[in-house]
N, C-alpha and C. Protein backbone atom coordinates (compact mmCIF):
# COMPACT_ATOMS: atom_id res chain seq x y z
N MET A 1 48.51 49.67 43.23
CA MET A 1 48.85 50.97 42.93
C MET A 1 48.43 51.52 41.75
N LEU A 2 47.22 50.85 41.60
CA LEU A 2 46.43 51.38 40.09
C LEU A 2 46.16 53.04 40.32
N GLN A 3 45.65 53.59 41.18
CA GLN A 3 45.19 54.92 41.06
C GLN A 3 46.58 55.81 40.78
N LEU A 4 47.60 55.52 40.90
CA LEU A 4 48.94 56.25 40.53
C LEU A 4 49.09 56.11 39.01
N GLU A 5 48.93 54.59 38.50
CA GLU A 5 48.88 54.32 36.92
C GLU A 5 47.83 55.32 36.39
N VAL A 6 46.71 55.11 37.02
CA VAL A 6 45.71 56.00 36.45
C VAL A 6 46.19 57.54 36.31
N LEU A 7 46.71 58.06 37.21
CA LEU A 7 47.32 59.30 37.00
C LEU A 7 48.58 59.54 36.09
N ARG A 8 49.22 58.56 35.94
CA ARG A 8 50.31 58.66 34.95
C ARG A 8 50.00 58.69 33.58
N GLN A 9 48.91 57.79 33.36
CA GLN A 9 48.27 57.68 32.04
C GLN A 9 47.52 58.80 31.55
N LEU A 10 46.68 59.53 32.67
CA LEU A 10 45.95 60.89 32.44
C LEU A 10 46.87 61.84 31.95
N LEU A 11 48.18 61.97 32.42
CA LEU A 11 48.99 62.93 32.39
C LEU A 11 49.80 62.95 30.89
N ASP A 12 49.97 61.59 30.72
CA ASP A 12 50.76 61.49 29.45
C ASP A 12 49.60 61.56 28.30
N LYS A 13 48.42 61.32 28.58
CA LYS A 13 47.49 61.52 27.31
C LYS A 13 47.01 62.90 27.27
N HIS A 14 47.08 63.47 28.43
CA HIS A 14 46.55 64.90 28.58
C HIS A 14 47.66 65.73 29.29
N PRO A 15 48.38 65.99 28.51
CA PRO A 15 49.89 66.94 29.39
C PRO A 15 49.42 68.06 29.89
N GLU A 16 48.15 68.96 29.28
CA GLU A 16 47.67 70.10 29.55
C GLU A 16 47.40 70.07 31.23
N TYR A 17 46.92 68.72 31.65
CA TYR A 17 46.72 68.49 33.19
C TYR A 17 47.99 68.45 33.97
N ARG A 18 49.23 68.37 33.44
CA ARG A 18 50.30 68.27 34.17
C ARG A 18 50.63 69.64 34.90
N GLU A 19 50.34 70.67 34.16
CA GLU A 19 50.98 72.03 34.57
C GLU A 19 50.01 73.10 33.98
N GLY A 20 49.96 74.34 34.57
CA GLY A 20 49.46 75.21 34.09
C GLY A 20 48.00 75.61 34.53
N SER A 21 47.16 76.37 33.92
CA SER A 21 46.05 76.64 34.27
C SER A 21 44.91 75.59 34.50
N GLN A 22 45.00 74.49 33.79
CA GLN A 22 44.34 73.29 34.14
C GLN A 22 45.07 71.94 34.76
N LYS A 23 46.27 72.35 35.59
CA LYS A 23 47.16 71.02 36.45
C LYS A 23 45.98 70.67 37.12
N VAL A 24 46.14 69.32 37.52
CA VAL A 24 45.31 68.40 38.16
C VAL A 24 46.21 67.92 39.43
N TYR A 25 45.48 68.02 40.50
CA TYR A 25 46.32 67.31 41.58
C TYR A 25 45.47 66.37 42.35
N PHE A 26 46.38 65.20 42.45
CA PHE A 26 45.77 63.80 42.61
C PHE A 26 45.91 63.97 44.42
N VAL A 27 44.83 64.08 44.96
CA VAL A 27 45.15 63.98 46.47
C VAL A 27 44.52 62.65 46.88
N LEU A 28 45.55 62.12 47.81
CA LEU A 28 45.37 60.95 48.61
C LEU A 28 45.13 61.19 50.06
N VAL A 29 44.14 60.77 50.60
CA VAL A 29 43.52 61.10 51.76
C VAL A 29 43.27 59.66 52.63
N GLY A 30 43.75 59.57 53.66
CA GLY A 30 43.63 58.12 54.53
C GLY A 30 44.11 58.33 55.84
N GLY A 31 43.89 57.33 56.58
CA GLY A 31 44.50 57.13 58.00
C GLY A 31 45.73 56.23 57.85
N CYS A 32 46.54 56.38 58.91
CA CYS A 32 47.80 55.70 59.16
C CYS A 32 47.98 55.50 60.46
N ARG A 33 47.51 53.86 60.72
CA ARG A 33 47.33 53.52 62.04
C ARG A 33 48.66 53.10 62.77
N ASN A 34 49.45 52.73 62.09
CA ASN A 34 50.55 51.79 62.63
C ASN A 34 51.80 51.77 61.42
N ALA A 35 52.79 51.16 61.90
CA ALA A 35 54.14 50.78 61.07
C ALA A 35 53.72 50.38 59.57
N ASP A 36 52.86 49.29 59.59
CA ASP A 36 52.58 48.63 58.36
C ASP A 36 51.97 49.50 57.43
N ASP A 37 51.06 50.35 57.89
CA ASP A 37 50.28 51.40 57.18
C ASP A 37 51.32 52.58 56.67
N GLN A 38 52.13 52.93 57.60
CA GLN A 38 53.21 53.92 57.24
C GLN A 38 54.12 53.31 56.07
N SER A 39 54.18 51.98 56.22
CA SER A 39 55.09 51.51 54.88
C SER A 39 54.52 51.58 53.70
N ILE A 40 52.93 51.46 53.80
CA ILE A 40 52.30 51.44 52.70
C ILE A 40 52.27 53.06 51.88
N VAL A 41 52.34 53.84 52.75
CA VAL A 41 52.54 55.39 52.64
C VAL A 41 53.53 55.64 51.77
N ASP A 42 54.50 55.19 52.57
CA ASP A 42 56.31 55.51 51.99
C ASP A 42 56.26 54.71 50.61
N GLY A 43 55.84 53.58 50.30
CA GLY A 43 55.57 53.10 48.85
C GLY A 43 55.28 53.66 48.08
N LEU A 44 53.99 54.29 48.28
CA LEU A 44 53.27 55.04 47.48
C LEU A 44 53.90 56.31 46.87
N ARG A 45 54.66 56.92 47.78
CA ARG A 45 55.65 57.93 47.72
C ARG A 45 56.85 57.67 46.79
N ARG A 46 57.36 56.57 47.10
CA ARG A 46 58.56 56.18 46.02
C ARG A 46 58.05 55.96 44.97
N ARG A 47 56.67 55.31 44.43
CA ARG A 47 56.21 55.08 43.35
C ARG A 47 55.89 56.38 42.63
N CYS A 48 55.28 57.46 43.25
CA CYS A 48 55.19 58.77 43.02
C CYS A 48 56.55 59.28 42.08
N GLY A 49 57.48 58.99 42.72
CA GLY A 49 58.91 59.17 42.28
C GLY A 49 59.37 58.58 41.14
N GLU A 50 58.92 57.59 41.20
CA GLU A 50 59.38 56.45 39.92
C GLU A 50 58.72 57.16 38.89
N LEU A 51 57.49 57.41 38.80
CA LEU A 51 56.77 57.91 37.77
C LEU A 51 56.59 59.21 37.37
N GLY A 52 57.58 60.17 38.22
CA GLY A 52 57.41 61.50 37.95
C GLY A 52 56.15 62.32 37.93
N LEU A 53 55.38 61.62 39.13
CA LEU A 53 54.24 62.24 39.65
C LEU A 53 54.31 63.24 40.89
N GLU A 54 55.48 63.36 41.26
CA GLU A 54 55.50 64.46 42.55
C GLU A 54 54.55 65.39 42.69
N GLU A 55 54.53 66.21 41.53
CA GLU A 55 54.27 67.76 41.08
C GLU A 55 52.97 67.89 41.16
N ASN A 56 52.36 66.70 40.78
CA ASN A 56 50.72 66.52 40.74
C ASN A 56 50.06 65.51 41.75
N THR A 57 50.75 65.16 42.72
CA THR A 57 50.44 64.32 44.01
C THR A 57 50.46 64.98 45.21
N ARG A 58 49.22 64.83 46.02
CA ARG A 58 49.51 65.22 47.74
C ARG A 58 49.23 64.11 48.47
N PHE A 59 50.05 63.83 49.52
CA PHE A 59 49.34 63.18 50.63
C PHE A 59 48.74 63.70 51.63
N VAL A 60 47.59 63.43 52.19
CA VAL A 60 47.09 63.85 53.55
C VAL A 60 46.80 62.64 54.21
N VAL A 61 47.47 62.67 55.32
CA VAL A 61 47.46 61.64 56.33
C VAL A 61 46.95 62.03 57.59
N ASN A 62 46.05 61.27 58.17
CA ASN A 62 45.34 61.28 59.55
C ASN A 62 44.92 62.95 59.50
N ALA A 63 44.14 63.22 58.48
CA ALA A 63 43.59 64.53 58.49
C ALA A 63 42.49 64.55 59.30
N PRO A 64 41.86 65.91 60.28
CA PRO A 64 40.77 65.72 60.77
C PRO A 64 39.64 66.07 60.16
N TYR A 65 38.80 65.47 60.52
CA TYR A 65 37.09 65.65 59.97
C TYR A 65 37.01 66.83 59.02
N ALA A 66 37.26 67.97 59.53
CA ALA A 66 36.76 68.93 58.99
C ALA A 66 37.92 69.38 57.62
N GLU A 67 38.95 68.90 57.67
CA GLU A 67 39.78 68.80 56.70
C GLU A 67 39.44 68.05 55.51
N VAL A 68 39.14 66.89 55.98
CA VAL A 68 38.48 66.01 54.81
C VAL A 68 37.30 66.71 54.06
N VAL A 69 36.38 67.15 54.88
CA VAL A 69 35.14 67.76 54.15
C VAL A 69 35.57 68.87 53.25
N SER A 70 36.43 69.77 53.98
CA SER A 70 37.06 70.67 52.96
C SER A 70 37.69 70.27 51.75
N LEU A 71 38.34 69.09 51.77
CA LEU A 71 39.04 68.84 50.78
C LEU A 71 38.11 68.13 49.47
N LEU A 72 36.85 67.29 50.07
CA LEU A 72 35.96 67.11 49.17
C LEU A 72 35.08 68.24 48.73
N SER A 73 35.02 69.13 49.40
CA SER A 73 34.34 70.41 48.78
C SER A 73 34.76 71.02 47.82
N ARG A 74 36.22 70.79 47.43
CA ARG A 74 36.91 71.43 46.26
C ARG A 74 37.33 70.28 45.13
N ALA A 75 37.25 69.05 45.39
CA ALA A 75 37.28 68.07 44.57
C ALA A 75 36.33 68.17 43.29
N SER A 76 36.90 67.67 42.19
CA SER A 76 35.92 67.61 41.12
C SER A 76 35.88 66.17 40.64
N VAL A 77 36.71 65.20 41.03
CA VAL A 77 36.44 63.77 40.66
C VAL A 77 37.00 62.95 41.98
N GLY A 78 36.29 61.85 42.16
CA GLY A 78 36.52 60.77 43.40
C GLY A 78 36.88 59.27 42.62
N LEU A 79 38.08 59.03 42.84
CA LEU A 79 38.45 57.73 42.30
C LEU A 79 38.22 56.58 43.21
N HIS A 80 37.77 55.71 42.75
CA HIS A 80 37.40 54.56 43.76
C HIS A 80 37.82 53.29 42.59
N THR A 81 39.11 52.40 43.25
CA THR A 81 39.73 51.45 42.62
C THR A 81 39.43 49.95 43.18
N MET A 82 38.88 49.81 44.25
CA MET A 82 38.71 48.50 44.73
C MET A 82 37.68 47.62 44.23
N THR A 83 38.19 46.51 43.74
CA THR A 83 37.85 45.34 43.09
C THR A 83 36.78 44.73 43.90
N ASN A 84 35.47 44.25 43.54
CA ASN A 84 34.46 43.75 44.30
C ASN A 84 34.00 43.94 45.89
N GLU A 85 34.15 45.24 45.70
CA GLU A 85 33.80 45.80 47.38
C GLU A 85 32.27 45.46 47.44
N HIS A 86 32.10 45.06 48.42
CA HIS A 86 30.63 44.79 48.76
C HIS A 86 29.72 45.78 48.46
N PHE A 87 29.78 47.02 49.08
CA PHE A 87 29.38 48.16 48.95
C PHE A 87 29.78 49.45 48.42
N GLY A 88 30.69 50.07 49.08
CA GLY A 88 31.46 51.02 48.47
C GLY A 88 31.31 52.45 49.04
N ILE A 89 30.91 52.47 50.11
CA ILE A 89 30.84 53.77 51.16
C ILE A 89 31.90 54.91 50.82
N SER A 90 32.88 54.60 50.26
CA SER A 90 33.58 55.93 49.96
C SER A 90 33.08 56.59 48.55
N VAL A 91 32.32 55.69 47.70
CA VAL A 91 31.81 56.27 46.52
C VAL A 91 30.49 57.06 46.80
N VAL A 92 29.64 56.64 47.92
CA VAL A 92 28.53 57.38 48.19
C VAL A 92 29.33 58.42 48.91
N GLU A 93 30.25 58.54 49.85
CA GLU A 93 30.41 59.95 50.30
C GLU A 93 30.97 60.77 49.22
N PHE A 94 31.48 60.31 48.26
CA PHE A 94 32.02 61.38 47.05
C PHE A 94 30.51 61.92 46.72
N MET A 95 29.55 61.09 45.97
CA MET A 95 28.52 61.57 45.78
C MET A 95 27.94 62.50 46.69
N ALA A 96 27.70 62.27 48.02
CA ALA A 96 27.17 63.03 48.88
C ALA A 96 27.74 64.31 49.10
N ALA A 97 28.89 64.39 48.72
CA ALA A 97 29.95 65.95 48.76
C ALA A 97 29.39 66.53 47.48
N GLY A 98 28.94 65.85 46.48
CA GLY A 98 28.72 66.77 45.23
C GLY A 98 30.13 66.22 44.15
N VAL A 99 30.72 65.44 44.66
CA VAL A 99 31.90 64.81 43.80
C VAL A 99 31.60 63.63 42.98
N ILE A 100 32.33 63.93 41.54
CA ILE A 100 31.93 63.02 40.60
C ILE A 100 32.53 61.67 40.64
N PRO A 101 32.20 60.59 40.77
CA PRO A 101 32.78 59.44 40.82
C PRO A 101 33.03 58.55 39.70
N VAL A 102 34.33 58.14 40.10
CA VAL A 102 34.83 56.93 38.63
C VAL A 102 35.25 55.70 39.84
N ALA A 103 34.42 55.01 39.60
CA ALA A 103 34.61 53.77 40.54
C ALA A 103 34.68 52.62 39.67
N HIS A 104 35.05 51.63 40.49
CA HIS A 104 35.42 50.38 39.56
C HIS A 104 34.23 49.65 38.98
N ASN A 105 34.40 48.98 38.28
CA ASN A 105 33.35 48.29 37.29
C ASN A 105 32.76 47.07 37.97
N SER A 106 32.04 47.00 39.07
CA SER A 106 32.27 45.65 39.79
C SER A 106 31.45 45.82 41.12
N ALA A 107 30.83 44.79 41.54
CA ALA A 107 30.20 44.70 42.86
C ALA A 107 29.43 45.84 43.23
N GLY A 108 29.29 46.08 44.59
CA GLY A 108 28.57 47.60 44.80
C GLY A 108 28.42 48.60 43.86
N PRO A 109 29.46 49.32 43.60
CA PRO A 109 29.32 50.69 43.15
C PRO A 109 28.47 50.40 41.51
N LYS A 110 28.95 49.13 40.93
CA LYS A 110 28.54 48.59 39.66
C LYS A 110 26.79 48.47 39.88
N MET A 111 26.44 47.79 40.93
CA MET A 111 25.30 47.27 40.97
C MET A 111 24.27 48.03 41.79
N ASP A 112 24.87 49.00 42.73
CA ASP A 112 23.83 49.61 43.97
C ASP A 112 24.00 51.11 43.91
N ILE A 113 25.21 51.63 43.20
CA ILE A 113 25.45 52.88 43.84
C ILE A 113 25.41 53.78 42.53
N VAL A 114 26.46 53.70 41.42
CA VAL A 114 26.52 54.45 40.02
C VAL A 114 25.77 54.27 39.20
N THR A 115 25.13 55.13 38.63
CA THR A 115 24.01 55.15 37.60
C THR A 115 25.09 55.93 36.22
N VAL A 116 25.35 54.83 35.04
CA VAL A 116 26.32 55.57 34.31
C VAL A 116 25.29 55.86 32.91
N ASP A 117 24.01 55.35 32.59
CA ASP A 117 23.38 55.63 31.51
C ASP A 117 22.21 56.65 31.57
N GLY A 118 21.88 57.15 30.70
CA GLY A 118 20.56 58.11 30.52
C GLY A 118 20.92 59.05 31.18
N THR A 119 19.37 60.02 31.42
CA THR A 119 19.36 61.16 31.85
C THR A 119 19.80 61.23 33.53
N GLU A 120 19.84 60.27 34.07
CA GLU A 120 20.04 60.02 35.60
C GLU A 120 21.39 59.49 35.91
N LYS A 121 22.49 59.80 35.00
CA LYS A 121 23.75 59.41 35.10
C LYS A 121 24.20 60.50 35.98
N THR A 122 25.12 59.54 37.15
CA THR A 122 25.68 60.15 38.43
C THR A 122 26.91 59.94 38.77
N GLY A 123 28.02 59.31 37.42
CA GLY A 123 29.16 59.06 37.61
C GLY A 123 29.43 58.11 36.55
N TYR A 124 31.03 57.27 36.57
CA TYR A 124 31.45 56.68 35.78
C TYR A 124 31.78 55.35 36.44
N LEU A 125 32.10 54.31 35.60
CA LEU A 125 32.78 52.93 35.90
C LEU A 125 33.86 52.76 34.95
N ALA A 126 34.83 51.94 35.46
CA ALA A 126 35.84 51.71 34.96
C ALA A 126 37.03 50.58 35.27
N THR A 127 37.47 49.93 34.72
CA THR A 127 38.24 48.59 35.15
C THR A 127 39.55 48.70 35.14
N THR A 128 40.19 49.01 34.11
CA THR A 128 41.90 48.99 33.57
C THR A 128 42.31 50.63 33.85
N ALA A 129 43.59 50.80 33.84
CA ALA A 129 43.97 52.06 33.98
C ALA A 129 43.82 52.86 33.08
N ASN A 130 43.82 52.20 31.82
CA ASN A 130 43.31 53.26 30.63
C ASN A 130 41.94 53.87 30.67
N GLU A 131 40.87 52.62 30.92
CA GLU A 131 39.79 53.19 31.14
C GLU A 131 39.31 54.31 32.21
N TYR A 132 40.11 54.01 33.42
CA TYR A 132 39.93 54.96 34.50
C TYR A 132 40.36 56.56 33.85
N ALA A 133 41.50 56.51 33.06
CA ALA A 133 42.41 57.58 32.55
C ALA A 133 41.12 58.51 31.68
N GLU A 134 40.72 57.68 30.83
CA GLU A 134 39.61 58.21 29.90
C GLU A 134 38.25 58.84 30.93
N ARG A 135 37.98 57.94 31.37
CA ARG A 135 36.74 58.59 32.20
C ARG A 135 36.82 59.95 32.98
N VAL A 136 38.08 59.66 33.85
CA VAL A 136 38.57 60.96 34.72
C VAL A 136 38.74 62.22 33.80
N SER A 137 39.20 61.67 32.48
CA SER A 137 39.30 63.04 31.69
C SER A 137 38.17 63.34 31.19
N GLU A 138 37.21 62.35 30.92
CA GLU A 138 35.74 63.00 30.35
C GLU A 138 35.25 63.72 31.35
N ALA A 139 35.41 63.29 32.70
CA ALA A 139 34.59 64.15 33.93
C ALA A 139 35.21 65.71 34.10
N LEU A 140 36.19 65.68 33.91
CA LEU A 140 37.10 66.86 33.87
C LEU A 140 36.91 67.81 32.97
N ARG A 141 36.32 67.61 31.61
CA ARG A 141 36.05 68.20 30.39
C ARG A 141 34.61 68.24 30.25
N LEU A 142 33.88 68.18 31.14
CA LEU A 142 32.18 68.58 31.44
C LEU A 142 32.07 69.98 31.47
N GLY A 143 31.26 70.49 30.63
CA GLY A 143 31.04 71.67 30.50
C GLY A 143 30.62 72.16 31.90
N GLY A 144 30.24 73.63 32.15
CA GLY A 144 29.95 73.91 33.44
C GLY A 144 28.66 73.47 34.07
N ASP A 145 27.53 73.55 33.14
CA ASP A 145 26.13 73.17 33.69
C ASP A 145 25.99 71.81 33.60
N ALA A 146 26.75 70.88 32.58
CA ALA A 146 26.79 69.59 32.57
C ALA A 146 27.47 68.88 33.85
N SER A 147 28.37 69.74 34.37
CA SER A 147 29.00 69.03 35.61
C SER A 147 28.19 69.44 36.66
N VAL A 148 27.64 70.60 36.88
CA VAL A 148 26.95 71.16 38.10
C VAL A 148 25.63 69.92 38.05
N GLN A 149 25.03 69.47 36.95
CA GLN A 149 24.21 68.70 36.97
C GLN A 149 24.06 67.57 37.45
N MET A 150 25.51 66.87 36.97
CA MET A 150 25.65 65.38 37.26
C MET A 150 26.25 65.56 38.76
N ARG A 151 26.66 66.68 39.33
CA ARG A 151 27.01 66.58 40.58
C ARG A 151 25.66 66.76 41.39
N LEU A 152 24.82 67.38 41.00
CA LEU A 152 23.40 67.57 41.75
C LEU A 152 22.87 66.04 41.77
N ARG A 153 22.77 65.57 40.74
CA ARG A 153 22.23 64.45 40.48
C ARG A 153 22.58 63.03 41.68
N ALA A 154 24.19 63.21 41.66
CA ALA A 154 25.07 62.45 42.39
C ALA A 154 24.68 62.58 44.12
N ARG A 155 24.53 63.64 43.97
CA ARG A 155 24.08 64.17 45.56
C ARG A 155 22.83 63.92 45.93
N ARG A 156 21.90 64.11 44.92
CA ARG A 156 20.47 63.58 45.24
C ARG A 156 20.28 62.18 45.24
N ALA A 157 21.15 61.51 44.67
CA ALA A 157 20.89 59.94 44.54
C ALA A 157 21.58 59.50 46.02
N ALA A 158 22.50 60.10 46.51
CA ALA A 158 23.19 59.68 47.76
C ALA A 158 22.16 59.88 48.83
N LEU A 159 21.76 61.15 48.88
CA LEU A 159 20.66 61.15 49.81
C LEU A 159 19.29 60.48 49.68
N ASP A 160 18.95 60.30 48.90
CA ASP A 160 17.52 59.83 48.77
C ASP A 160 17.75 58.19 48.82
N ARG A 161 18.84 57.52 48.57
CA ARG A 161 19.01 56.21 48.42
C ARG A 161 19.83 55.55 49.73
N PHE A 162 20.61 56.78 50.54
CA PHE A 162 21.65 56.07 51.57
C PHE A 162 21.48 56.78 52.56
N SER A 163 20.86 57.81 52.85
CA SER A 163 20.61 58.74 53.97
C SER A 163 20.19 57.61 55.04
N VAL A 164 20.32 58.21 56.51
CA VAL A 164 19.77 57.72 57.50
C VAL A 164 18.33 57.76 57.33
N ALA A 165 17.67 58.44 57.05
CA ALA A 165 16.16 58.50 56.77
C ALA A 165 16.04 57.46 55.72
N ALA A 166 16.60 57.45 54.57
CA ALA A 166 16.27 56.24 53.63
C ALA A 166 16.16 54.89 54.23
N PHE A 167 17.37 54.65 54.89
CA PHE A 167 17.43 53.46 55.22
C PHE A 167 16.46 53.07 56.41
N GLN A 168 16.03 54.08 57.30
CA GLN A 168 15.07 54.11 58.37
C GLN A 168 13.77 53.49 57.68
N ASP A 169 13.46 54.17 56.38
CA ASP A 169 11.99 54.10 55.75
C ASP A 169 12.09 52.78 55.28
N HIS A 170 13.10 52.30 54.62
CA HIS A 170 13.06 50.87 54.11
C HIS A 170 13.07 49.88 55.26
N PHE A 171 13.72 50.22 56.36
CA PHE A 171 13.70 49.10 57.52
C PHE A 171 12.21 48.85 57.79
N VAL A 172 11.52 50.06 58.17
CA VAL A 172 10.33 49.98 58.64
C VAL A 172 9.43 49.31 57.40
N ARG A 173 9.42 49.43 56.37
CA ARG A 173 8.79 48.85 55.25
C ARG A 173 9.08 47.72 55.53
N SER A 174 10.14 47.05 55.42
CA SER A 174 10.55 45.57 55.61
C SER A 174 9.95 44.73 56.62
N ILE A 175 9.98 45.70 57.57
CA ILE A 175 9.59 44.80 59.16
C ILE A 175 7.94 44.73 59.03
N ALA A 176 7.34 46.03 58.39
CA ALA A 176 5.83 45.85 58.21
C ALA A 176 5.29 44.73 57.15
N LYS A 177 6.37 44.43 56.34
CA LYS A 177 5.86 43.59 55.26
C LYS A 177 5.81 42.22 55.68
N ALA A 178 7.20 42.06 56.54
CA ALA A 178 7.31 40.77 57.08
C ALA A 178 6.18 40.43 58.31
N ASN A 179 5.92 41.37 59.08
CA ASN A 179 4.76 41.04 59.92
C ASN A 179 3.25 41.14 59.28
N GLN A 180 3.27 41.90 57.78
CA GLN A 180 2.10 41.92 57.29
C GLN A 180 0.97 42.81 58.30
N GLN A 181 1.76 43.65 58.62
CA GLN A 181 0.83 44.77 59.51
C GLN A 181 0.81 46.03 58.44
N PRO A 182 -0.16 47.05 59.04
CA PRO A 182 -0.11 48.37 58.08
C PRO A 182 0.76 49.17 58.52
N LEU A 183 1.36 50.05 57.35
CA LEU A 183 2.80 50.65 57.48
C LEU A 183 2.39 51.85 58.03
N ARG A 184 3.39 52.29 59.31
CA ARG A 184 3.30 53.51 59.76
C ARG A 184 4.30 54.67 59.39
N PRO A 185 4.07 55.62 59.30
CA PRO A 185 5.13 56.77 58.29
C PRO A 185 6.23 56.97 59.21
N SER A 186 7.34 56.98 58.60
CA SER A 186 8.52 57.21 59.00
C SER A 186 8.46 58.25 60.21
N THR A 187 9.26 58.16 61.50
CA THR A 187 9.36 59.36 62.53
C THR A 187 10.30 60.53 62.35
N ALA A 188 11.30 60.17 60.88
CA ALA A 188 12.19 60.94 61.01
C ALA A 188 11.64 62.54 60.66
N ALA A 189 12.45 63.45 61.23
CA ALA A 189 11.77 64.90 61.28
C ALA A 189 12.38 65.34 60.04
N GLN A 190 13.66 65.19 59.55
CA GLN A 190 13.84 65.56 58.41
C GLN A 190 15.29 64.85 57.94
N ARG A 191 15.70 64.93 56.55
CA ARG A 191 16.84 64.26 56.02
C ARG A 191 17.75 64.84 56.65
N PRO A 192 18.91 64.22 57.00
CA PRO A 192 20.34 64.45 57.70
C PRO A 192 21.21 64.98 56.88
N THR A 193 21.87 65.82 57.25
CA THR A 193 23.06 66.72 56.39
C THR A 193 23.88 65.28 56.01
N ALA A 194 24.16 65.29 54.64
CA ALA A 194 25.29 64.10 54.12
C ALA A 194 26.74 64.47 54.83
N THR A 195 27.30 63.64 54.93
CA THR A 195 28.84 63.48 55.57
C THR A 195 29.79 63.02 54.36
N ALA A 196 31.01 63.32 54.52
CA ALA A 196 32.03 63.08 53.57
C ALA A 196 33.06 62.29 54.01
N GLY A 197 33.46 61.38 53.39
CA GLY A 197 35.02 60.61 54.08
C GLY A 197 35.93 60.42 53.11
N SER A 198 36.61 59.58 53.13
CA SER A 198 37.87 59.50 52.06
C SER A 198 37.63 57.93 51.48
N ALA A 199 38.62 57.71 50.44
CA ALA A 199 38.84 56.43 49.89
C ALA A 199 40.09 55.52 50.00
N LYS A 200 40.09 54.62 49.77
CA LYS A 200 41.06 53.97 50.09
C LYS A 200 41.87 53.40 48.79
N GLU A 201 43.03 53.34 48.62
CA GLU A 201 43.84 52.74 47.57
C GLU A 201 43.94 51.40 47.79
N ASP A 202 43.58 50.52 46.26
CA ASP A 202 43.25 49.22 46.40
C ASP A 202 44.62 48.59 46.72
C-alpha cells in the first residue's frame, strides 16, 4: 500500500493539498475480476480510513475505456510504484496521455522509459514513500509553461519510442540487419493515436 503512504506523507508535508483551491485527489483506477480482487479493493478502502485519506481518495473500479481516457486527460501526475517491473506499460500510458509520471526507480521505468536529467526530462523516479511525496509535490509545483513542456516531452517520447510505428520500424531494421539485406522503408502510413490506460497498486 505504498501509494496510500505516499499520499499520506504528501498531505502531511503539504497541508495545502488537503483542501481548498489546491486540493489533491488521488484516483485509483483498475479492474476487479473476482472476489480476491475485491478483497484487495476493500483493504485499500479500509486503509484509506485508517490514514484519514477518504476526502482525497477516489476508487474507480472496472471503468469503461472512455472513462479511463477522460480521467487521464484531467490528471496532473501518474503514480507508478511496482518494483523491478520488466517494462512499465502504465508509465508509457501516462506519458502518452500527457501526464507527468512519478515511477519506481528500478528496472523498466528507470532503464528504458523515464528521462530524469537535462533538457529532455520527462518525469521523476523515486523509491521510498518520502521520495515519492517530494517528487509528486515537485511535479505539482511546476509553473504553467514548465509543466506544459514536460508533458509535451513525455508525450513525444512515448510516441517516438513506443508507438506501433516505432516498434514496426525497429523490427524491420533488426530483421534487415540480421539478414544483411538492404533496408526497406516502413509501410506505416502515419503515427497512430496514443492510447491511455491505468496503473496497478504494488
